[in-house]
Amino acid sequence: MQRSGRIQAIGAGMAVIICLLIACAFIFSVLFRFTTVSEDTMQWLLYILAIISFGIGGIIAGIKSKEKGLITGVITAGAVICLIVLFQYLGYDSSITSSQVILFASFLISSAVGAAIGVNSVS
């Protein structure tokens, strides 16, 4: 596959990840606003949904890429993580914590495995 095809695959995976994260954020923000459920009680569920979102985005990137799934998945997740870090640093003036590094590593792994699954599911 040519370079432009892989870039389009990475872009599609990034778009899916960002859309899923925004949808989850909207659903849970409405839930937190209008019920007595707190964010502390749902923290692990939010982490799991974020990891699943990165996995689905990796699958989409792998299906569109059709080759080199691990690399495609890592680049896809890495680009989204860079956007998150830039937004956090420039928008909120806060640096990355050690717990976020572990979370970002799990995002990378999830997206890489998802892209490998996506590449191998194409017949």
N, C-alpha and C. Protein backbone atom coordinates (compact mmCIF):
# COMPACT_ATOMS: atom_id res chain seq x y z
N MET A 1 0.84 -1.17 0.00
CA MET A 1 0.00 0.00 0.00
C MET A 1 0.89 1.24 0.00
N GLN A 2 0.43 2.23 -0.68
CA GLN A 2 1.20 3.45 -0.75
C GLN A 2 1.03 4.26 0.52
N ARG A 3 1.90 5.23 0.66
CA ARG A 3 1.91 6.05 1.86
C ARG A 3 0.60 6.81 2.07
N SER A 4 0.00 7.32 1.01
CA SER A 4 -1.24 8.09 1.15
C SER A 4 -2.38 7.20 1.64
N GLY A 5 -2.36 5.93 1.26
CA GLY A 5 -3.38 5.00 1.74
C GLY A 5 -3.26 4.75 3.24
N ARG A 6 -2.03 4.65 3.72
CA ARG A 6 -1.84 4.45 5.16
C ARG A 6 -2.21 5.71 5.93
N ILE A 7 -1.91 6.87 5.38
CA ILE A 7 -2.27 8.12 6.05
C ILE A 7 -3.78 8.25 6.13
N GLN A 8 -4.49 7.86 5.07
CA GLN A 8 -5.95 7.89 5.10
C GLN A 8 -6.50 6.90 6.12
N ALA A 9 -5.87 5.73 6.23
CA ALA A 9 -6.29 4.73 7.22
C ALA A 9 -6.08 5.26 8.63
N ILE A 10 -4.94 5.89 8.87
CA ILE A 10 -4.67 6.46 10.19
C ILE A 10 -5.66 7.58 10.49
N GLY A 11 -5.95 8.41 9.50
CA GLY A 11 -6.92 9.48 9.70
C GLY A 11 -8.32 8.94 10.01
N ALA A 12 -8.70 7.87 9.33
CA ALA A 12 -10.01 7.27 9.59
C ALA A 12 -10.06 6.68 11.00
N GLY A 13 -8.98 6.03 11.41
CA GLY A 13 -8.92 5.48 12.76
C GLY A 13 -8.96 6.57 13.81
N MET A 14 -8.25 7.66 13.56
CA MET A 14 -8.28 8.79 14.50
C MET A 14 -9.67 9.39 14.59
N ALA A 15 -10.34 9.53 13.45
CA ALA A 15 -11.69 10.09 13.46
C ALA A 15 -12.65 9.22 14.26
N VAL A 16 -12.53 7.90 14.10
CA VAL A 16 -13.39 6.98 14.85
C VAL A 16 -13.11 7.09 16.34
N ILE A 17 -11.84 7.11 16.71
CA ILE A 17 -11.48 7.21 18.13
C ILE A 17 -12.04 8.50 18.73
N ILE A 18 -11.82 9.62 18.06
CA ILE A 18 -12.27 10.90 18.59
C ILE A 18 -13.79 10.95 18.68
N CYS A 19 -14.48 10.44 17.66
CA CYS A 19 -15.96 10.44 17.70
C CYS A 19 -16.48 9.56 18.84
N LEU A 20 -15.88 8.40 19.03
CA LEU A 20 -16.31 7.53 20.12
C LEU A 20 -16.04 8.16 21.48
N LEU A 21 -14.89 8.80 21.64
CA LEU A 21 -14.58 9.45 22.91
C LEU A 21 -15.53 10.62 23.18
N ILE A 22 -15.85 11.38 22.15
CA ILE A 22 -16.78 12.50 22.33
C ILE A 22 -18.17 11.97 22.68
N ALA A 23 -18.61 10.90 22.01
CA ALA A 23 -19.93 10.33 22.30
C ALA A 23 -19.99 9.81 23.73
N CYS A 24 -18.96 9.10 24.16
CA CYS A 24 -18.93 8.60 25.55
C CYS A 24 -18.91 9.75 26.54
N ALA A 25 -18.13 10.79 26.24
CA ALA A 25 -18.06 11.94 27.13
C ALA A 25 -19.42 12.63 27.23
N PHE A 26 -20.12 12.76 26.12
CA PHE A 26 -21.43 13.39 26.15
C PHE A 26 -22.42 12.56 26.96
N ILE A 27 -22.46 11.26 26.70
CA ILE A 27 -23.40 10.38 27.42
C ILE A 27 -23.14 10.42 28.92
N PHE A 28 -21.88 10.31 29.31
CA PHE A 28 -21.58 10.27 30.74
C PHE A 28 -21.70 11.64 31.40
N SER A 29 -21.46 12.71 30.66
CA SER A 29 -21.66 14.02 31.26
C SER A 29 -23.14 14.28 31.53
N VAL A 30 -24.01 13.83 30.63
CA VAL A 30 -25.45 13.94 30.88
C VAL A 30 -25.85 13.07 32.07
N LEU A 31 -25.29 11.87 32.12
CA LEU A 31 -25.57 10.96 33.23
C LEU A 31 -25.13 11.56 34.56
N PHE A 32 -23.94 12.13 34.59
CA PHE A 32 -23.43 12.72 35.83
C PHE A 32 -24.21 13.97 36.22
N ARG A 33 -24.69 14.69 35.24
CA ARG A 33 -25.40 15.94 35.52
C ARG A 33 -26.80 15.69 36.09
N PHE A 34 -27.50 14.73 35.53
CA PHE A 34 -28.91 14.55 35.88
C PHE A 34 -29.19 13.39 36.82
N THR A 35 -28.16 12.70 37.29
CA THR A 35 -28.35 11.64 38.28
C THR A 35 -27.40 11.89 39.45
N THR A 36 -27.50 11.05 40.44
CA THR A 36 -26.61 11.19 41.60
C THR A 36 -25.33 10.39 41.44
N VAL A 37 -25.12 9.80 40.29
CA VAL A 37 -23.90 9.03 40.04
C VAL A 37 -22.73 9.99 39.94
N SER A 38 -21.63 9.64 40.60
CA SER A 38 -20.45 10.50 40.55
C SER A 38 -19.39 9.89 39.63
N GLU A 39 -18.47 10.73 39.23
CA GLU A 39 -17.41 10.27 38.34
C GLU A 39 -16.49 9.26 39.03
N ASP A 40 -16.33 9.39 40.33
CA ASP A 40 -15.46 8.47 41.06
C ASP A 40 -15.97 7.04 41.01
N THR A 41 -17.29 6.86 41.01
CA THR A 41 -17.84 5.51 40.98
C THR A 41 -17.75 4.89 39.59
N MET A 42 -17.65 5.70 38.56
CA MET A 42 -17.63 5.20 37.18
C MET A 42 -16.25 5.29 36.53
N GLN A 43 -15.22 5.59 37.31
CA GLN A 43 -13.90 5.85 36.75
C GLN A 43 -13.36 4.67 35.95
N TRP A 44 -13.47 3.46 36.48
CA TRP A 44 -12.94 2.29 35.78
C TRP A 44 -13.73 2.00 34.51
N LEU A 45 -15.03 2.21 34.55
CA LEU A 45 -15.84 2.02 33.34
C LEU A 45 -15.43 3.01 32.26
N LEU A 46 -15.14 4.23 32.63
CA LEU A 46 -14.69 5.24 31.67
C LEU A 46 -13.34 4.85 31.06
N TYR A 47 -12.43 4.32 31.86
CA TYR A 47 -11.14 3.86 31.35
C TYR A 47 -11.34 2.71 30.36
N ILE A 48 -12.19 1.77 30.72
CA ILE A 48 -12.43 0.62 29.85
C ILE A 48 -13.06 1.06 28.53
N LEU A 49 -14.02 1.98 28.59
CA LEU A 49 -14.63 2.48 27.36
C LEU A 49 -13.63 3.22 26.48
N ALA A 50 -12.71 3.95 27.09
CA ALA A 50 -11.68 4.65 26.32
C ALA A 50 -10.75 3.63 25.65
N ILE A 51 -10.38 2.59 26.36
CA ILE A 51 -9.52 1.55 25.78
C ILE A 51 -10.24 0.84 24.63
N ILE A 52 -11.53 0.56 24.81
CA ILE A 52 -12.31 -0.06 23.75
C ILE A 52 -12.42 0.87 22.54
N SER A 53 -12.57 2.17 22.78
CA SER A 53 -12.64 3.14 21.68
C SER A 53 -11.35 3.14 20.88
N PHE A 54 -10.22 3.09 21.57
CA PHE A 54 -8.94 3.02 20.86
C PHE A 54 -8.80 1.71 20.10
N GLY A 55 -9.30 0.62 20.65
CA GLY A 55 -9.26 -0.66 19.95
C GLY A 55 -10.10 -0.64 18.68
N ILE A 56 -11.28 -0.07 18.77
CA ILE A 56 -12.15 0.01 17.59
C ILE A 56 -11.52 0.92 16.53
N GLY A 57 -10.95 2.03 16.95
CA GLY A 57 -10.26 2.89 16.00
C GLY A 57 -9.08 2.19 15.35
N GLY A 58 -8.37 1.38 16.13
CA GLY A 58 -7.27 0.59 15.57
C GLY A 58 -7.77 -0.44 14.57
N ILE A 59 -8.90 -1.07 14.85
CA ILE A 59 -9.47 -2.03 13.90
C ILE A 59 -9.81 -1.34 12.59
N ILE A 60 -10.43 -0.19 12.66
CA ILE A 60 -10.79 0.55 11.45
C ILE A 60 -9.52 0.93 10.67
N ALA A 61 -8.51 1.41 11.36
CA ALA A 61 -7.25 1.77 10.69
C ALA A 61 -6.61 0.55 10.06
N GLY A 62 -6.65 -0.60 10.74
CA GLY A 62 -6.07 -1.81 10.19
C GLY A 62 -6.82 -2.32 8.98
N ILE A 63 -8.14 -2.26 9.02
CA ILE A 63 -8.95 -2.70 7.87
C ILE A 63 -8.65 -1.84 6.66
N LYS A 64 -8.55 -0.53 6.85
CA LYS A 64 -8.30 0.37 5.73
C LYS A 64 -6.85 0.29 5.25
N SER A 65 -5.92 0.00 6.15
CA SER A 65 -4.51 -0.05 5.80
C SER A 65 -4.16 -1.34 5.05
N LYS A 66 -4.68 -2.46 5.52
CA LYS A 66 -4.47 -3.78 4.93
C LYS A 66 -3.05 -4.32 5.07
N GLU A 67 -2.17 -3.63 5.78
CA GLU A 67 -0.83 -4.13 6.02
C GLU A 67 -0.19 -3.38 7.19
N LYS A 68 0.80 -4.01 7.82
CA LYS A 68 1.55 -3.42 8.94
C LYS A 68 0.62 -2.90 10.03
N GLY A 69 -0.18 -3.79 10.57
CA GLY A 69 -1.20 -3.41 11.53
C GLY A 69 -0.66 -2.81 12.82
N LEU A 70 0.39 -3.41 13.38
CA LEU A 70 0.92 -2.91 14.64
C LEU A 70 1.43 -1.48 14.50
N ILE A 71 2.15 -1.22 13.42
CA ILE A 71 2.69 0.12 13.21
C ILE A 71 1.55 1.11 12.97
N THR A 72 0.58 0.71 12.17
CA THR A 72 -0.56 1.58 11.89
C THR A 72 -1.32 1.90 13.16
N GLY A 73 -1.54 0.90 14.01
CA GLY A 73 -2.26 1.11 15.26
C GLY A 73 -1.51 2.01 16.22
N VAL A 74 -0.20 1.82 16.31
CA VAL A 74 0.60 2.66 17.21
C VAL A 74 0.61 4.11 16.73
N ILE A 75 0.72 4.30 15.43
CA ILE A 75 0.72 5.67 14.90
C ILE A 75 -0.64 6.32 15.11
N THR A 76 -1.71 5.54 14.90
CA THR A 76 -3.06 6.07 15.08
C THR A 76 -3.27 6.52 16.53
N ALA A 77 -2.97 5.64 17.46
CA ALA A 77 -3.13 5.99 18.88
C ALA A 77 -2.17 7.09 19.28
N GLY A 78 -0.95 7.05 18.78
CA GLY A 78 0.03 8.08 19.11
C GLY A 78 -0.41 9.47 18.67
N ALA A 79 -1.05 9.55 17.51
CA ALA A 79 -1.52 10.85 17.03
C ALA A 79 -2.65 11.37 17.91
N VAL A 80 -3.57 10.49 18.31
CA VAL A 80 -4.66 10.93 19.18
C VAL A 80 -4.12 11.32 20.56
N ILE A 81 -3.18 10.55 21.06
CA ILE A 81 -2.58 10.87 22.36
C ILE A 81 -1.85 12.22 22.29
N CYS A 82 -1.17 12.49 21.19
CA CYS A 82 -0.52 13.79 21.03
C CYS A 82 -1.54 14.92 21.07
N LEU A 83 -2.69 14.72 20.43
CA LEU A 83 -3.74 15.74 20.49
C LEU A 83 -4.25 15.94 21.91
N ILE A 84 -4.42 14.83 22.63
CA ILE A 84 -4.89 14.92 24.02
C ILE A 84 -3.87 15.66 24.89
N VAL A 85 -2.60 15.33 24.73
CA VAL A 85 -1.55 15.96 25.52
C VAL A 85 -1.44 17.45 25.18
N LEU A 86 -1.51 17.78 23.90
CA LEU A 86 -1.46 19.19 23.52
C LEU A 86 -2.66 19.96 24.07
N PHE A 87 -3.83 19.37 24.00
CA PHE A 87 -5.02 20.02 24.53
C PHE A 87 -4.88 20.22 26.04
N GLN A 88 -4.37 19.21 26.72
CA GLN A 88 -4.21 19.30 28.17
C GLN A 88 -3.16 20.34 28.54
N TYR A 89 -2.04 20.33 27.83
CA TYR A 89 -0.95 21.23 28.18
C TYR A 89 -1.27 22.68 27.81
N LEU A 90 -1.76 22.87 26.58
CA LEU A 90 -2.02 24.24 26.13
C LEU A 90 -3.34 24.79 26.67
N GLY A 91 -4.34 23.94 26.82
CA GLY A 91 -5.64 24.41 27.27
C GLY A 91 -5.78 24.51 28.76
N TYR A 92 -5.20 23.55 29.47
CA TYR A 92 -5.36 23.51 30.92
C TYR A 92 -4.07 23.78 31.68
N ASP A 93 -2.97 23.95 30.97
CA ASP A 93 -1.67 24.26 31.56
C ASP A 93 -1.26 23.24 32.62
N SER A 94 -1.46 21.97 32.31
CA SER A 94 -1.05 20.91 33.24
C SER A 94 -0.23 19.88 32.47
N SER A 95 0.72 19.29 33.17
CA SER A 95 1.60 18.32 32.53
C SER A 95 1.05 16.90 32.70
N ILE A 96 1.72 15.96 32.10
CA ILE A 96 1.29 14.56 32.13
C ILE A 96 1.67 13.95 33.47
N THR A 97 0.75 13.19 34.05
CA THR A 97 1.02 12.49 35.31
C THR A 97 1.45 11.06 35.02
N SER A 98 1.98 10.40 36.03
CA SER A 98 2.44 9.03 35.85
C SER A 98 1.28 8.07 35.58
N SER A 99 0.13 8.33 36.16
CA SER A 99 -1.03 7.47 35.88
C SER A 99 -1.50 7.64 34.44
N GLN A 100 -1.35 8.84 33.88
CA GLN A 100 -1.71 9.05 32.49
C GLN A 100 -0.76 8.33 31.55
N VAL A 101 0.50 8.23 31.91
CA VAL A 101 1.46 7.50 31.08
C VAL A 101 1.05 6.03 30.97
N ILE A 102 0.63 5.45 32.08
CA ILE A 102 0.17 4.06 32.05
C ILE A 102 -1.10 3.95 31.21
N LEU A 103 -2.00 4.89 31.34
CA LEU A 103 -3.23 4.89 30.55
C LEU A 103 -2.91 5.05 29.07
N PHE A 104 -2.01 5.94 28.72
CA PHE A 104 -1.63 6.14 27.32
C PHE A 104 -0.96 4.89 26.75
N ALA A 105 -0.17 4.21 27.56
CA ALA A 105 0.45 2.96 27.11
C ALA A 105 -0.62 1.91 26.81
N SER A 106 -1.63 1.85 27.64
CA SER A 106 -2.71 0.89 27.37
C SER A 106 -3.49 1.29 26.12
N PHE A 107 -3.63 2.58 25.85
CA PHE A 107 -4.26 3.03 24.61
C PHE A 107 -3.44 2.58 23.40
N LEU A 108 -2.12 2.74 23.49
CA LEU A 108 -1.25 2.32 22.39
C LEU A 108 -1.37 0.82 22.13
N ILE A 109 -1.34 0.04 23.20
CA ILE A 109 -1.44 -1.41 23.05
C ILE A 109 -2.79 -1.80 22.47
N SER A 110 -3.85 -1.20 22.96
CA SER A 110 -5.19 -1.52 22.47
C SER A 110 -5.33 -1.19 20.99
N SER A 111 -4.84 -0.05 20.57
CA SER A 111 -4.95 0.34 19.18
C SER A 111 -4.07 -0.54 18.29
N ALA A 112 -2.89 -0.89 18.75
CA ALA A 112 -2.00 -1.74 17.97
C ALA A 112 -2.61 -3.13 17.79
N VAL A 113 -3.15 -3.69 18.87
CA VAL A 113 -3.78 -5.01 18.77
C VAL A 113 -5.02 -4.94 17.87
N GLY A 114 -5.79 -3.86 18.01
CA GLY A 114 -6.96 -3.68 17.16
C GLY A 114 -6.59 -3.59 15.69
N ALA A 115 -5.54 -2.85 15.38
CA ALA A 115 -5.12 -2.74 13.99
C ALA A 115 -4.61 -4.07 13.46
N ALA A 116 -3.91 -4.84 14.29
CA ALA A 116 -3.46 -6.16 13.86
C ALA A 116 -4.65 -7.08 13.57
N ILE A 117 -5.68 -6.98 14.42
CA ILE A 117 -6.91 -7.74 14.17
C ILE A 117 -7.57 -7.27 12.87
N GLY A 118 -7.60 -5.95 12.67
CA GLY A 118 -8.21 -5.39 11.46
C GLY A 118 -7.49 -5.83 10.19
N VAL A 119 -6.17 -5.85 10.21
CA VAL A 119 -5.40 -6.28 9.04
C VAL A 119 -5.67 -7.76 8.76
N ASN A 120 -5.71 -8.56 9.79
CA ASN A 120 -5.89 -10.00 9.60
C ASN A 120 -7.34 -10.39 9.32
N SER A 121 -8.29 -9.50 9.54
CA SER A 121 -9.68 -9.81 9.24
C SER A 121 -10.02 -9.54 7.77
N VAL A 122 -9.16 -8.81 7.07
CA VAL A 122 -9.39 -8.52 5.66
C VAL A 122 -9.04 -9.76 4.85
N SER A 123 -9.97 -10.15 4.00
CA SER A 123 -9.69 -11.37 3.20
C SER A 123 -9.40 -11.04 1.77
